């Protein structure tokens, strides 16, 4: 990532992608939740409905919202996703050793990990490595909603840019 991009993000002159934010958070050794959430002096962080950080959105109104997360070195993120018909989100490979858990609450979500794809219906769940390119898509005609948990081990431990999203 260029120094100019970092300066533009810092000054609010750029609208960074989730991948860019993840590279910055890993380089700082703070994890994505610490980068996008306001500081919390209390040991318990509560995120009320509508207060999460929307880090992905589609033209049709789909959203990926980071609703909770832990601090480094082993970061766990909890996401609330909605995909409208035709929505597709491609994710770069995360830090080596990253694992993801996904449960569909409504509709059908197609997950592609490497060369494998599977469609999950409401109530279905899957676990998969997040350290390879993967994607989530709604190829159906109805909206889909799912929860996603991402476990990233050793964030900020000196990993190289080859190891980040």
C-alpha atoms as a PDB file:
ATOM      1  CA  UNK A   1       0.000   0.000   0.000  1.00  0.00           C
ATOM      2  CA  UNK A   2       1.334   3.414  -0.900  1.00  0.00           C
ATOM      3  CA  UNK A   3       2.172   6.110   1.610  1.00  0.00           C
ATOM      4  CA  UNK A   4      -0.232   8.412  -0.272  1.00  0.00           C
ATOM      5  CA  UNK A   5      -3.128   5.983   0.396  1.00  0.00           C
ATOM      6  CA  UNK A   6      -2.317   5.946   4.115  1.00  0.00           C
ATOM      7  CA  UNK A   7      -2.211   9.759   4.191  1.00  0.00           C
ATOM      8  CA  UNK A   8      -5.513   9.982   2.263  1.00  0.00           C
ATOM      9  CA  UNK A   9      -7.190   7.560   4.694  1.00  0.00           C
ATOM     10  CA  UNK A  10      -5.791   9.467   7.686  1.00  0.00           C
ATOM     11  CA  UNK A  11      -7.071  12.783   6.314  1.00  0.00           C
ATOM     12  CA  UNK A  12     -10.461  11.368   5.384  1.00  0.00           C
ATOM     13  CA  UNK A  13      -9.803  12.024   1.680  1.00  0.00           C
ATOM     14  CA  UNK A  14     -10.202   8.359   0.693  1.00  0.00           C
ATOM     15  CA  UNK A  15     -12.912   5.779   1.191  1.00  0.00           C
ATOM     16  CA  UNK A  16     -10.748   2.708   1.905  1.00  0.00           C
ATOM     17  CA  UNK A  17     -11.836  -0.832   1.126  1.00  0.00           C
ATOM     18  CA  UNK A  18     -12.089  -3.439   3.871  1.00  0.00           C
ATOM     19  CA  UNK A  19      -8.839  -4.935   2.529  1.00  0.00           C
ATOM     20  CA  UNK A  20      -7.053  -1.590   2.870  1.00  0.00           C
ATOM     21  CA  UNK A  21      -8.345  -1.101   6.421  1.00  0.00           C
ATOM     22  CA  UNK A  22      -7.188  -4.605   7.319  1.00  0.00           C
ATOM     23  CA  UNK A  23      -3.692  -3.950   5.957  1.00  0.00           C
ATOM     24  CA  UNK A  24      -3.492  -0.741   7.989  1.00  0.00           C
ATOM     25  CA  UNK A  25      -4.803  -2.367  11.190  1.00  0.00           C
ATOM     26  CA  UNK A  26      -2.371  -5.279  10.893  1.00  0.00           C
ATOM     27  CA  UNK A  27       0.550  -2.945  10.178  1.00  0.00           C
ATOM     28  CA  UNK A  28      -0.366  -0.998  13.320  1.00  0.00           C
ATOM     29  CA  UNK A  29      -0.795  -4.224  15.273  1.00  0.00           C
ATOM     30  CA  UNK A  30      -4.224  -3.228  16.547  1.00  0.00           C
ATOM     31  CA  UNK A  31      -6.733  -5.390  14.655  1.00  0.00           C
ATOM     32  CA  UNK A  32      -9.644  -4.046  12.647  1.00  0.00           C
ATOM     33  CA  UNK A  33     -12.091  -3.547  15.551  1.00  0.00           C
ATOM     34  CA  UNK A  34      -9.661  -1.242  17.381  1.00  0.00           C
ATOM     35  CA  UNK A  35      -9.159   0.774  14.197  1.00  0.00           C
ATOM     36  CA  UNK A  36     -12.820   1.452  13.366  1.00  0.00           C
ATOM     37  CA  UNK A  37     -14.540   1.481  16.753  1.00  0.00           C
ATOM     38  CA  UNK A  38     -14.409   4.368  19.230  1.00  0.00           C
ATOM     39  CA  UNK A  39     -12.249   3.736  22.323  1.00  0.00           C
ATOM     40  CA  UNK A  40     -14.099   2.062  25.177  1.00  0.00           C
ATOM     41  CA  UNK A  41     -12.884   2.553  28.759  1.00  0.00           C
ATOM     42  CA  UNK A  42     -15.104  -0.255  30.102  1.00  0.00           C
ATOM     43  CA  UNK A  43     -14.183  -3.957  29.953  1.00  0.00           C
ATOM     44  CA  UNK A  44     -17.493  -4.779  28.256  1.00  0.00           C
ATOM     45  CA  UNK A  45     -18.281  -3.332  24.849  1.00  0.00           C
ATOM     46  CA  UNK A  46     -21.942  -3.314  23.875  1.00  0.00           C
ATOM     47  CA  UNK A  47     -22.979  -2.570  20.302  1.00  0.00           C
ATOM     48  CA  UNK A  48     -26.642  -1.692  19.997  1.00  0.00           C
ATOM     49  CA  UNK A  49     -28.633  -2.401  16.836  1.00  0.00           C
ATOM     50  CA  UNK A  50     -27.564   0.007  14.114  1.00  0.00           C
ATOM     51  CA  UNK A  51     -24.324   1.050  15.859  1.00  0.00           C
ATOM     52  CA  UNK A  52     -21.871  -1.334  14.167  1.00  0.00           C
ATOM     53  CA  UNK A  53     -19.272  -0.162  11.654  1.00  0.00           C
ATOM     54  CA  UNK A  54     -20.540  -0.732   8.088  1.00  0.00           C
ATOM     55  CA  UNK A  55     -17.388  -1.705   6.210  1.00  0.00           C
ATOM     56  CA  UNK A  56     -18.958  -3.049   3.014  1.00  0.00           C
ATOM     57  CA  UNK A  57     -22.083  -2.041   1.148  1.00  0.00           C
ATOM     58  CA  UNK A  58     -23.580  -2.718  -2.258  1.00  0.00           C
ATOM     59  CA  UNK A  59     -25.581  -0.526  -4.601  1.00  0.00           C
ATOM     60  CA  UNK A  60     -28.648  -2.667  -3.827  1.00  0.00           C
ATOM     61  CA  UNK A  61     -28.365  -2.076  -0.074  1.00  0.00           C
ATOM     62  CA  UNK A  62     -26.440  -5.172   1.064  1.00  0.00           C
ATOM     63  CA  UNK A  63     -24.122  -4.554   4.019  1.00  0.00           C
ATOM     64  CA  UNK A  64     -21.289  -6.071   5.985  1.00  0.00           C
ATOM     65  CA  UNK A  65     -21.333  -4.637   9.516  1.00  0.00           C
ATOM     66  CA  UNK A  66     -18.612  -5.271  12.095  1.00  0.00           C
ATOM     67  CA  UNK A  67     -20.590  -5.503  15.352  1.00  0.00           C
ATOM     68  CA  UNK A  68     -17.968  -6.711  17.836  1.00  0.00           C
ATOM     69  CA  UNK A  69     -14.323  -7.630  18.087  1.00  0.00           C
ATOM     70  CA  UNK A  70     -11.493  -8.446  20.438  1.00  0.00           C
ATOM     71  CA  UNK A  71      -8.042  -6.912  20.774  1.00  0.00           C
ATOM     72  CA  UNK A  72      -4.756  -8.394  19.493  1.00  0.00           C
ATOM     73  CA  UNK A  73      -2.890 -10.579  19.384  1.00  0.00           C
ATOM     74  CA  UNK A  74      -5.673 -13.109  18.638  1.00  0.00           C
ATOM     75  CA  UNK A  75      -8.472 -11.067  17.092  1.00  0.00           C
ATOM     76  CA  UNK A  76     -12.035 -12.362  16.821  1.00  0.00           C
ATOM     77  CA  UNK A  77     -14.501 -10.327  14.751  1.00  0.00           C
ATOM     78  CA  UNK A  78     -18.288 -10.727  14.712  1.00  0.00           C
ATOM     79  CA  UNK A  79     -20.013  -9.526  11.559  1.00  0.00           C
ATOM     80  CA  UNK A  80     -23.665  -9.074  10.574  1.00  0.00           C
ATOM     81  CA  UNK A  81     -24.127  -9.445   6.817  1.00  0.00           C
ATOM     82  CA  UNK A  82     -27.052  -8.895   4.467  1.00  0.00           C
ATOM     83  CA  UNK A  83     -26.808  -9.740   0.788  1.00  0.00           C
ATOM     84  CA  UNK A  84     -29.557  -8.662  -1.550  1.00  0.00           C
ATOM     85  CA  UNK A  85     -30.257 -10.664  -4.729  1.00  0.00           C
ATOM     86  CA  UNK A  86     -27.213 -10.433  -7.000  1.00  0.00           C
ATOM     87  CA  UNK A  87     -24.865  -9.178  -4.264  1.00  0.00           C
ATOM     88  CA  UNK A  88     -21.365 -10.645  -4.228  1.00  0.00           C
ATOM     89  CA  UNK A  89     -18.447  -9.882  -1.890  1.00  0.00           C
ATOM     90  CA  UNK A  90     -14.965 -11.169  -2.717  1.00  0.00           C
ATOM     91  CA  UNK A  91     -12.510 -11.198   0.179  1.00  0.00           C
ATOM     92  CA  UNK A  92      -8.763 -11.272  -0.150  1.00  0.00           C
ATOM     93  CA  UNK A  93      -6.841 -13.867   1.855  1.00  0.00           C
ATOM     94  CA  UNK A  94      -6.501 -12.866   5.515  1.00  0.00           C
ATOM     95  CA  UNK A  95      -3.538 -13.396   7.851  1.00  0.00           C
ATOM     96  CA  UNK A  96      -2.146 -16.932   7.747  1.00  0.00           C
ATOM     97  CA  UNK A  97      -4.113 -19.215  10.095  1.00  0.00           C
ATOM     98  CA  UNK A  98      -7.338 -17.175   9.909  1.00  0.00           C
ATOM     99  CA  UNK A  99     -10.534 -19.212  10.304  1.00  0.00           C
ATOM    100  CA  UNK A 100     -14.107 -18.160   9.557  1.00  0.00           C
ATOM    101  CA  UNK A 101     -17.459 -19.441  10.813  1.00  0.00           C
ATOM    102  CA  UNK A 102     -20.657 -18.477   9.046  1.00  0.00           C
ATOM    103  CA  UNK A 103     -24.323 -19.183   9.852  1.00  0.00           C
ATOM    104  CA  UNK A 104     -27.155 -18.249   7.505  1.00  0.00           C
ATOM    105  CA  UNK A 105     -30.231 -16.786   9.211  1.00  0.00           C
ATOM    106  CA  UNK A 106     -32.330 -15.985   6.147  1.00  0.00           C
ATOM    107  CA  UNK A 107     -32.232 -16.827   2.436  1.00  0.00           C
ATOM    108  CA  UNK A 108     -29.416 -18.676   0.673  1.00  0.00           C
ATOM    109  CA  UNK A 109     -25.716 -17.744   0.640  1.00  0.00           C
ATOM    110  CA  UNK A 110     -23.152 -19.273  -1.705  1.00  0.00           C
ATOM    111  CA  UNK A 111     -19.661 -19.434  -0.222  1.00  0.00           C
ATOM    112  CA  UNK A 112     -16.635 -19.992  -2.443  1.00  0.00           C
ATOM    113  CA  UNK A 113     -13.305 -20.894  -0.844  1.00  0.00           C
ATOM    114  CA  UNK A 114     -10.487 -21.589  -3.265  1.00  0.00           C
ATOM    115  CA  UNK A 115     -11.990 -23.874  -5.920  1.00  0.00           C
ATOM    116  CA  UNK A 116     -14.849 -25.138  -3.727  1.00  0.00           C
ATOM    117  CA  UNK A 117     -18.344 -23.608  -3.597  1.00  0.00           C
ATOM    118  CA  UNK A 118     -21.328 -24.499  -1.450  1.00  0.00           C
ATOM    119  CA  UNK A 119     -24.809 -23.008  -1.024  1.00  0.00           C
ATOM    120  CA  UNK A 120     -26.149 -22.684   2.507  1.00  0.00           C
ATOM    121  CA  UNK A 121     -29.798 -22.155   3.433  1.00  0.00           C
ATOM    122  CA  UNK A 122     -31.271 -20.617   6.590  1.00  0.00           C
ATOM    123  CA  UNK A 123     -30.005 -22.546   9.623  1.00  0.00           C
ATOM    124  CA  UNK A 124     -26.980 -23.989   7.782  1.00  0.00           C
ATOM    125  CA  UNK A 125     -23.458 -23.173   8.924  1.00  0.00           C
ATOM    126  CA  UNK A 126     -19.914 -23.636   7.634  1.00  0.00           C
ATOM    127  CA  UNK A 127     -16.355 -23.242   8.851  1.00  0.00           C
ATOM    128  CA  UNK A 128     -13.487 -22.575   6.468  1.00  0.00           C
ATOM    129  CA  UNK A 129      -9.974 -21.148   6.196  1.00  0.00           C
ATOM    130  CA  UNK A 130      -9.949 -17.388   5.704  1.00  0.00           C
ATOM    131  CA  UNK A 131      -6.315 -17.276   4.628  1.00  0.00           C
ATOM    132  CA  UNK A 132      -7.254 -17.997   1.000  1.00  0.00           C
ATOM    133  CA  UNK A 133      -9.341 -15.903  -1.385  1.00  0.00           C
ATOM    134  CA  UNK A 134     -13.027 -16.471  -0.627  1.00  0.00           C
ATOM    135  CA  UNK A 135     -16.389 -14.925  -1.384  1.00  0.00           C
ATOM    136  CA  UNK A 136     -20.018 -14.707  -0.306  1.00  0.00           C
ATOM    137  CA  UNK A 137     -22.829 -14.339  -2.845  1.00  0.00           C
ATOM    138  CA  UNK A 138     -26.602 -14.263  -3.066  1.00  0.00           C
ATOM    139  CA  UNK A 139     -27.615 -15.791  -6.404  1.00  0.00           C
ATOM    140  CA  UNK A 140     -31.240 -16.203  -5.287  1.00  0.00           C
ATOM    141  CA  UNK A 141     -34.260 -13.933  -5.642  1.00  0.00           C
ATOM    142  CA  UNK A 142     -34.724 -13.152  -1.933  1.00  0.00           C
ATOM    143  CA  UNK A 143     -32.490 -11.255   0.526  1.00  0.00           C
ATOM    144  CA  UNK A 144     -30.030 -13.296   2.591  1.00  0.00           C
ATOM    145  CA  UNK A 145     -28.683 -12.607   6.085  1.00  0.00           C
ATOM    146  CA  UNK A 146     -25.850 -14.293   7.950  1.00  0.00           C
ATOM    147  CA  UNK A 147     -23.518 -13.945  10.905  1.00  0.00           C
ATOM    148  CA  UNK A 148     -19.799 -14.289  10.329  1.00  0.00           C
ATOM    149  CA  UNK A 149     -17.087 -14.815  12.908  1.00  0.00           C
ATOM    150  CA  UNK A 150     -13.471 -14.297  11.858  1.00  0.00           C
ATOM    151  CA  UNK A 151     -10.548 -15.528  13.994  1.00  0.00           C
ATOM    152  CA  UNK A 152      -7.193 -13.936  13.099  1.00  0.00           C
ATOM    153  CA  UNK A 153      -4.267 -15.271  15.144  1.00  0.00           C
ATOM    154  CA  UNK A 154      -1.215 -13.176  15.926  1.00  0.00           C
ATOM    155  CA  UNK A 155      -2.384  -9.829  14.537  1.00  0.00           C
ATOM    156  CA  UNK A 156       0.391  -7.257  14.833  1.00  0.00           C
ATOM    157  CA  UNK A 157       3.119  -9.807  15.523  1.00  0.00           C
ATOM    158  CA  UNK A 158       5.310  -8.614  12.679  1.00  0.00           C
ATOM    159  CA  UNK A 159       3.642 -10.462   9.808  1.00  0.00           C
ATOM    160  CA  UNK A 160       4.533  -9.228   6.342  1.00  0.00           C
ATOM    161  CA  UNK A 161       2.221  -7.751   3.747  1.00  0.00           C
ATOM    162  CA  UNK A 162       2.218 -11.175   2.073  1.00  0.00           C
ATOM    163  CA  UNK A 163       0.338 -12.465   5.119  1.00  0.00           C
ATOM    164  CA  UNK A 164      -2.468  -9.908   5.186  1.00  0.00           C
ATOM    165  CA  UNK A 165      -5.731  -9.434   3.332  1.00  0.00           C
END
